[in-house]
């Protein structure tokens, strides 16, 4: 694995092709999350409340589907 910082405020990570795709996708998703929330001023309690509301609304709408 090679990690290097470029002159354009970017980081390049080079990995061998043998790296597990599932684990790599989780790492990419986490990096996207960090990028998306870097300037957020939201409090964790507010995020948790919103997530609970979204989940409750989804279950109310999809109740007839049953449990997966």
PDB file of N, CA and C in Angstrom:
ATOM      1  N   UNK A   1       0.854  -1.165   0.000  1.00  0.00           N
ATOM      2  CA  UNK A   1       0.000   0.000   0.000  1.00  0.00           C
ATOM      3  C   UNK A   1       0.900   1.229   0.000  1.00  0.00           C
ATOM      4  N   UNK A   2       0.485   2.207  -0.798  1.00  0.00           N
ATOM      5  CA  UNK A   2       1.236   3.449  -0.904  1.00  0.00           C
ATOM      6  C   UNK A   2       0.271   4.613  -0.692  1.00  0.00           C
ATOM      7  N   UNK A   3       0.621   5.519   0.215  1.00  0.00           N
ATOM      8  CA  UNK A   3      -0.191   6.708   0.474  1.00  0.00           C
ATOM      9  C   UNK A   3       0.676   7.921   0.228  1.00  0.00           C
ATOM     10  N   UNK A   4       0.189   8.828  -0.632  1.00  0.00           N
ATOM     11  CA  UNK A   4       0.958  10.039  -0.900  1.00  0.00           C
ATOM     12  C   UNK A   4       0.040  11.249  -0.995  1.00  0.00           C
ATOM     13  N   UNK A   5       0.538  12.360  -0.518  1.00  0.00           N
ATOM     14  CA  UNK A   5      -0.192  13.622  -0.586  1.00  0.00           C
ATOM     15  C   UNK A   5       0.308  14.375  -1.814  1.00  0.00           C
ATOM     16  N   UNK A   6      -0.637  14.879  -2.608  1.00  0.00           N
ATOM     17  CA  UNK A   6      -0.262  15.611  -3.810  1.00  0.00           C
ATOM     18  C   UNK A   6      -0.180  17.101  -3.500  1.00  0.00           C
ATOM     19  N   UNK A   7       0.296  17.877  -4.458  1.00  0.00           N
ATOM     20  CA  UNK A   7       0.388  19.320  -4.276  1.00  0.00           C
ATOM     21  C   UNK A   7      -0.982  19.988  -4.331  1.00  0.00           C
ATOM     22  N   UNK A   8      -1.994  19.296  -4.807  1.00  0.00           N
ATOM     23  CA  UNK A   8      -3.324  19.880  -4.976  1.00  0.00           C
ATOM     24  C   UNK A   8      -4.259  19.542  -3.815  1.00  0.00           C
ATOM     25  N   UNK A   9      -3.717  19.370  -2.615  1.00  0.00           N
ATOM     26  CA  UNK A   9      -4.514  19.065  -1.427  1.00  0.00           C
ATOM     27  C   UNK A   9      -5.318  17.789  -1.570  1.00  0.00           C
ATOM     28  N   UNK A  10      -4.760  16.804  -2.203  1.00  0.00           N
ATOM     29  CA  UNK A  10      -5.393  15.496  -2.356  1.00  0.00           C
ATOM     30  C   UNK A  10      -4.465  14.428  -1.805  1.00  0.00           C
ATOM     31  N   UNK A  11      -5.037  13.279  -1.537  1.00  0.00           N
ATOM     32  CA  UNK A  11      -4.260  12.128  -1.088  1.00  0.00           C
ATOM     33  C   UNK A  11      -4.530  10.986  -2.054  1.00  0.00           C
ATOM     34  N   UNK A  12      -3.481  10.340  -2.503  1.00  0.00           N
ATOM     35  CA  UNK A  12      -3.603   9.198  -3.405  1.00  0.00           C
ATOM     36  C   UNK A  12      -3.236   7.944  -2.614  1.00  0.00           C
ATOM     37  N   UNK A  13      -4.142   6.962  -2.631  1.00  0.00           N
ATOM     38  CA  UNK A  13      -3.900   5.685  -1.964  1.00  0.00           C
ATOM     39  C   UNK A  13      -3.865   4.609  -3.038  1.00  0.00           C
ATOM     40  N   UNK A  14      -2.778   3.900  -3.112  1.00  0.00           N
ATOM     41  CA  UNK A  14      -2.623   2.824  -4.084  1.00  0.00           C
ATOM     42  C   UNK A  14      -2.629   1.497  -3.332  1.00  0.00           C
ATOM     43  N   UNK A  15      -3.538   0.609  -3.731  1.00  0.00           N
ATOM     44  CA  UNK A  15      -3.682  -0.689  -3.082  1.00  0.00           C
ATOM     45  C   UNK A  15      -3.481  -1.805  -4.084  1.00  0.00           C
ATOM     46  N   UNK A  16      -3.015  -2.948  -3.621  1.00  0.00           N
ATOM     47  CA  UNK A  16      -2.886  -4.085  -4.531  1.00  0.00           C
ATOM     48  C   UNK A  16      -4.271  -4.612  -4.918  1.00  0.00           C
ATOM     49  N   UNK A  17      -4.384  -5.236  -6.053  1.00  0.00           N
ATOM     50  CA  UNK A  17      -5.667  -5.742  -6.536  1.00  0.00           C
ATOM     51  C   UNK A  17      -6.208  -6.885  -5.679  1.00  0.00           C
ATOM     52  N   UNK A  18      -5.389  -7.426  -4.801  1.00  0.00           N
ATOM     53  CA  UNK A  18      -5.825  -8.529  -3.943  1.00  0.00           C
ATOM     54  C   UNK A  18      -6.666  -8.057  -2.753  1.00  0.00           C
ATOM     55  N   UNK A  19      -6.816  -6.748  -2.582  1.00  0.00           N
ATOM     56  CA  UNK A  19      -7.597  -6.225  -1.465  1.00  0.00           C
ATOM     57  C   UNK A  19      -9.067  -6.594  -1.647  1.00  0.00           C
ATOM     58  N   UNK A  20      -9.692  -7.027  -0.566  1.00  0.00           N
ATOM     59  CA  UNK A  20     -11.095  -7.429  -0.571  1.00  0.00           C
ATOM     60  C   UNK A  20     -11.983  -6.275  -1.031  1.00  0.00           C
ATOM     61  N   UNK A  21     -12.823  -6.522  -2.047  1.00  0.00           N
ATOM     62  CA  UNK A  21     -13.676  -5.469  -2.607  1.00  0.00           C
ATOM     63  C   UNK A  21     -14.702  -4.963  -1.599  1.00  0.00           C
ATOM     64  N   UNK A  22     -15.281  -5.844  -0.806  1.00  0.00           N
ATOM     65  CA  UNK A  22     -16.277  -5.431   0.176  1.00  0.00           C
ATOM     66  C   UNK A  22     -15.663  -4.488   1.210  1.00  0.00           C
ATOM     67  N   UNK A  23     -14.527  -4.865   1.749  1.00  0.00           N
ATOM     68  CA  UNK A  23     -13.838  -4.025   2.728  1.00  0.00           C
ATOM     69  C   UNK A  23     -13.416  -2.699   2.125  1.00  0.00           C
ATOM     70  N   UNK A  24     -12.944  -2.738   0.894  1.00  0.00           N
ATOM     71  CA  UNK A  24     -12.536  -1.519   0.210  1.00  0.00           C
ATOM     72  C   UNK A  24     -13.738  -0.601  -0.012  1.00  0.00           C
ATOM     73  N   UNK A  25     -14.889  -1.156  -0.382  1.00  0.00           N
ATOM     74  CA  UNK A  25     -16.083  -0.340  -0.580  1.00  0.00           C
ATOM     75  C   UNK A  25     -16.509   0.313   0.726  1.00  0.00           C
ATOM     76  N   UNK A  26     -16.400  -0.402   1.826  1.00  0.00           N
ATOM     77  CA  UNK A  26     -16.727   0.191   3.133  1.00  0.00           C
ATOM     78  C   UNK A  26     -15.788   1.334   3.454  1.00  0.00           C
ATOM     79  N   UNK A  27     -14.524   1.180   3.127  1.00  0.00           N
ATOM     80  CA  UNK A  27     -13.547   2.245   3.350  1.00  0.00           C
ATOM     81  C   UNK A  27     -13.868   3.469   2.500  1.00  0.00           C
ATOM     82  N   UNK A  28     -14.229   3.252   1.243  1.00  0.00           N
ATOM     83  CA  UNK A  28     -14.597   4.348   0.341  1.00  0.00           C
ATOM     84  C   UNK A  28     -15.856   5.040   0.846  1.00  0.00           C
ATOM     85  N   UNK A  29     -16.850   4.279   1.282  1.00  0.00           N
ATOM     86  CA  UNK A  29     -18.072   4.864   1.817  1.00  0.00           C
ATOM     87  C   UNK A  29     -17.776   5.730   3.037  1.00  0.00           C
ATOM     88  N   UNK A  30     -16.889   5.264   3.900  1.00  0.00           N
ATOM     89  CA  UNK A  30     -16.525   6.036   5.096  1.00  0.00           C
ATOM     90  C   UNK A  30     -15.792   7.320   4.702  1.00  0.00           C
ATOM     91  N   UNK A  31     -14.904   7.239   3.723  1.00  0.00           N
ATOM     92  CA  UNK A  31     -14.196   8.428   3.253  1.00  0.00           C
ATOM     93  C   UNK A  31     -15.176   9.443   2.665  1.00  0.00           C
ATOM     94  N   UNK A  32     -16.181   8.968   1.931  1.00  0.00           N
ATOM     95  CA  UNK A  32     -17.212   9.857   1.384  1.00  0.00           C
ATOM     96  C   UNK A  32     -18.002  10.513   2.509  1.00  0.00           C
ATOM     97  N   UNK A  33     -18.302   9.742   3.547  1.00  0.00           N
ATOM     98  CA  UNK A  33     -19.006  10.282   4.707  1.00  0.00           C
ATOM     99  C   UNK A  33     -18.180  11.381   5.361  1.00  0.00           C
ATOM    100  N   UNK A  34     -16.901  11.135   5.564  1.00  0.00           N
ATOM    101  CA  UNK A  34     -16.035  12.144   6.168  1.00  0.00           C
ATOM    102  C   UNK A  34     -15.996  13.416   5.330  1.00  0.00           C
ATOM    103  N   UNK A  35     -15.913  13.247   4.029  1.00  0.00           N
ATOM    104  CA  UNK A  35     -15.892  14.390   3.122  1.00  0.00           C
ATOM    105  C   UNK A  35     -17.211  15.166   3.187  1.00  0.00           C
ATOM    106  N   UNK A  36     -18.326  14.448   3.190  1.00  0.00           N
ATOM    107  CA  UNK A  36     -19.640  15.087   3.182  1.00  0.00           C
ATOM    108  C   UNK A  36     -19.953  15.803   4.490  1.00  0.00           C
ATOM    109  N   UNK A  37     -19.410  15.324   5.592  1.00  0.00           N
ATOM    110  CA  UNK A  37     -19.744  15.890   6.897  1.00  0.00           C
ATOM    111  C   UNK A  37     -18.648  16.766   7.482  1.00  0.00           C
ATOM    112  N   UNK A  38     -17.599  16.994   6.728  1.00  0.00           N
ATOM    113  CA  UNK A  38     -16.444  17.731   7.252  1.00  0.00           C
ATOM    114  C   UNK A  38     -16.806  19.119   7.781  1.00  0.00           C
ATOM    115  N   UNK A  39     -17.718  19.802   7.135  1.00  0.00           N
ATOM    116  CA  UNK A  39     -18.065  21.160   7.543  1.00  0.00           C
ATOM    117  C   UNK A  39     -19.429  21.236   8.234  1.00  0.00           C
ATOM    118  N   UNK A  40     -19.972  20.104   8.578  1.00  0.00           N
ATOM    119  CA  UNK A  40     -21.295  20.057   9.202  1.00  0.00           C
ATOM    120  C   UNK A  40     -21.234  20.586  10.633  1.00  0.00           C
ATOM    121  N   UNK A  41     -22.262  21.308  11.002  1.00  0.00           N
ATOM    122  CA  UNK A  41     -22.381  21.804  12.369  1.00  0.00           C
ATOM    123  C   UNK A  41     -23.502  21.079  13.110  1.00  0.00           C
ATOM    124  N   UNK A  42     -24.019  20.026  12.489  1.00  0.00           N
ATOM    125  CA  UNK A  42     -25.101  19.250  13.103  1.00  0.00           C
ATOM    126  C   UNK A  42     -24.581  18.523  14.333  1.00  0.00           C
ATOM    127  N   UNK A  43     -25.432  18.436  15.335  1.00  0.00           N
ATOM    128  CA  UNK A  43     -25.084  17.696  16.544  1.00  0.00           C
ATOM    129  C   UNK A  43     -25.518  16.252  16.366  1.00  0.00           C
ATOM    130  N   UNK A  44     -24.800  15.338  16.986  1.00  0.00           N
ATOM    131  CA  UNK A  44     -25.106  13.917  16.847  1.00  0.00           C
ATOM    132  C   UNK A  44     -26.531  13.612  17.287  1.00  0.00           C
ATOM    133  N   UNK A  45     -27.000  14.278  18.326  1.00  0.00           N
ATOM    134  CA  UNK A  45     -28.370  14.046  18.798  1.00  0.00           C
ATOM    135  C   UNK A  45     -29.388  14.407  17.721  1.00  0.00           C
ATOM    136  N   UNK A  46     -29.140  15.477  16.973  1.00  0.00           N
ATOM    137  CA  UNK A  46     -30.036  15.876  15.889  1.00  0.00           C
ATOM    138  C   UNK A  46     -30.011  14.860  14.755  1.00  0.00           C
ATOM    139  N   UNK A  47     -28.831  14.355  14.448  1.00  0.00           N
ATOM    140  CA  UNK A  47     -28.689  13.347  13.398  1.00  0.00           C
ATOM    141  C   UNK A  47     -29.414  12.066  13.808  1.00  0.00           C
ATOM    142  N   UNK A  48     -29.247  11.667  15.043  1.00  0.00           N
ATOM    143  CA  UNK A  48     -29.918  10.463  15.535  1.00  0.00           C
ATOM    144  C   UNK A  48     -31.436  10.610  15.481  1.00  0.00           C
ATOM    145  N   UNK A  49     -31.941  11.784  15.864  1.00  0.00           N
ATOM    146  CA  UNK A  49     -33.386  12.024  15.832  1.00  0.00           C
ATOM    147  C   UNK A  49     -33.919  11.939  14.402  1.00  0.00           C
ATOM    148  N   UNK A  50     -33.206  12.564  13.465  1.00  0.00           N
ATOM    149  CA  UNK A  50     -33.618  12.518  12.063  1.00  0.00           C
ATOM    150  C   UNK A  50     -33.610  11.084  11.541  1.00  0.00           C
ATOM    151  N   UNK A  51     -32.579  10.326  11.887  1.00  0.00           N
ATOM    152  CA  UNK A  51     -32.491   8.929  11.449  1.00  0.00           C
ATOM    153  C   UNK A  51     -33.657   8.113  11.999  1.00  0.00           C
ATOM    154  N   UNK A  52     -34.005   8.347  13.258  1.00  0.00           N
ATOM    155  CA  UNK A  52     -35.147   7.640  13.852  1.00  0.00           C
ATOM    156  C   UNK A  52     -36.439   7.981  13.125  1.00  0.00           C
ATOM    157  N   UNK A  53     -36.621   9.266  12.784  1.00  0.00           N
ATOM    158  CA  UNK A  53     -37.831   9.687  12.072  1.00  0.00           C
ATOM    159  C   UNK A  53     -37.909   9.050  10.685  1.00  0.00           C
ATOM    160  N   UNK A  54     -36.780   9.023   9.991  1.00  0.00           N
ATOM    161  CA  UNK A  54     -36.747   8.431   8.650  1.00  0.00           C
ATOM    162  C   UNK A  54     -37.045   6.936   8.728  1.00  0.00           C
ATOM    163  N   UNK A  55     -36.430   6.259   9.685  1.00  0.00           N
ATOM    164  CA  UNK A  55     -36.659   4.818   9.840  1.00  0.00           C
ATOM    165  C   UNK A  55     -38.115   4.528  10.184  1.00  0.00           C
ATOM    166  N   UNK A  56     -38.701   5.310  11.080  1.00  0.00           N
ATOM    167  CA  UNK A  56     -40.104   5.097  11.461  1.00  0.00           C
ATOM    168  C   UNK A  56     -41.021   5.310  10.259  1.00  0.00           C
ATOM    169  N   UNK A  57     -40.738   6.341   9.472  1.00  0.00           N
ATOM    170  CA  UNK A  57     -41.555   6.611   8.287  1.00  0.00           C
ATOM    171  C   UNK A  57     -41.415   5.476   7.271  1.00  0.00           C
ATOM    172  N   UNK A  58     -40.207   4.969   7.104  1.00  0.00           N
ATOM    173  CA  UNK A  58     -39.997   3.872   6.154  1.00  0.00           C
ATOM    174  C   UNK A  58     -40.775   2.634   6.594  1.00  0.00           C
ATOM    175  N   UNK A  59     -40.683   2.289   7.882  1.00  0.00           N
ATOM    176  CA  UNK A  59     -41.378   1.105   8.374  1.00  0.00           C
ATOM    177  C   UNK A  59     -42.887   1.266   8.272  1.00  0.00           C
ATOM    178  N   UNK A  60     -43.386   2.470   8.538  1.00  0.00           N
ATOM    179  CA  UNK A  60     -44.823   2.705   8.420  1.00  0.00           C
ATOM    180  C   UNK A  60     -45.289   2.497   6.981  1.00  0.00           C
ATOM    181  N   UNK A  61     -44.473   2.940   6.046  1.00  0.00           N
ATOM    182  CA  UNK A  61     -44.816   2.816   4.626  1.00  0.00           C
ATOM    183  C   UNK A  61     -44.668   1.383   4.123  1.00  0.00           C
ATOM    184  N   UNK A  62     -43.697   0.657   4.657  1.00  0.00           N
ATOM    185  CA  UNK A  62     -43.358  -0.673   4.134  1.00  0.00           C
ATOM    186  C   UNK A  62     -43.754  -1.818   5.073  1.00  0.00           C
ATOM    187  N   UNK A  63     -44.618  -1.547   6.009  1.00  0.00           N
ATOM    188  CA  UNK A  63     -45.033  -2.547   7.006  1.00  0.00           C
ATOM    189  C   UNK A  63     -45.552  -3.831   6.356  1.00  0.00           C
ATOM    190  N   UNK A  64     -46.259  -3.689   5.257  1.00  0.00           N
ATOM    191  CA  UNK A  64     -46.874  -4.855   4.612  1.00  0.00           C
ATOM    192  C   UNK A  64     -45.855  -5.799   3.993  1.00  0.00           C
ATOM    193  N   UNK A  65     -44.661  -5.341   3.779  1.00  0.00           N
ATOM    194  CA  UNK A  65     -43.610  -6.189   3.200  1.00  0.00           C
ATOM    195  C   UNK A  65     -43.161  -7.274   4.157  1.00  0.00           C
ATOM    196  N   UNK A  66     -43.263  -7.018   5.449  1.00  0.00           N
ATOM    197  CA  UNK A  66     -42.792  -7.966   6.450  1.00  0.00           C
ATOM    198  C   UNK A  66     -41.324  -7.780   6.722  1.00  0.00           C
ATOM    199  N   UNK A  67     -40.798  -8.617   7.549  1.00  0.00           N
ATOM    200  CA  UNK A  67     -39.388  -8.541   7.930  1.00  0.00           C
ATOM    201  C   UNK A  67     -38.557  -9.321   6.933  1.00  0.00           C
ATOM    202  N   UNK A  68     -37.425  -8.761   6.579  1.00  0.00           N
ATOM    203  CA  UNK A  68     -36.550  -9.397   5.570  1.00  0.00           C
ATOM    204  C   UNK A  68     -35.873 -10.622   6.104  1.00  0.00           C
TER     205      UNK A  68
END
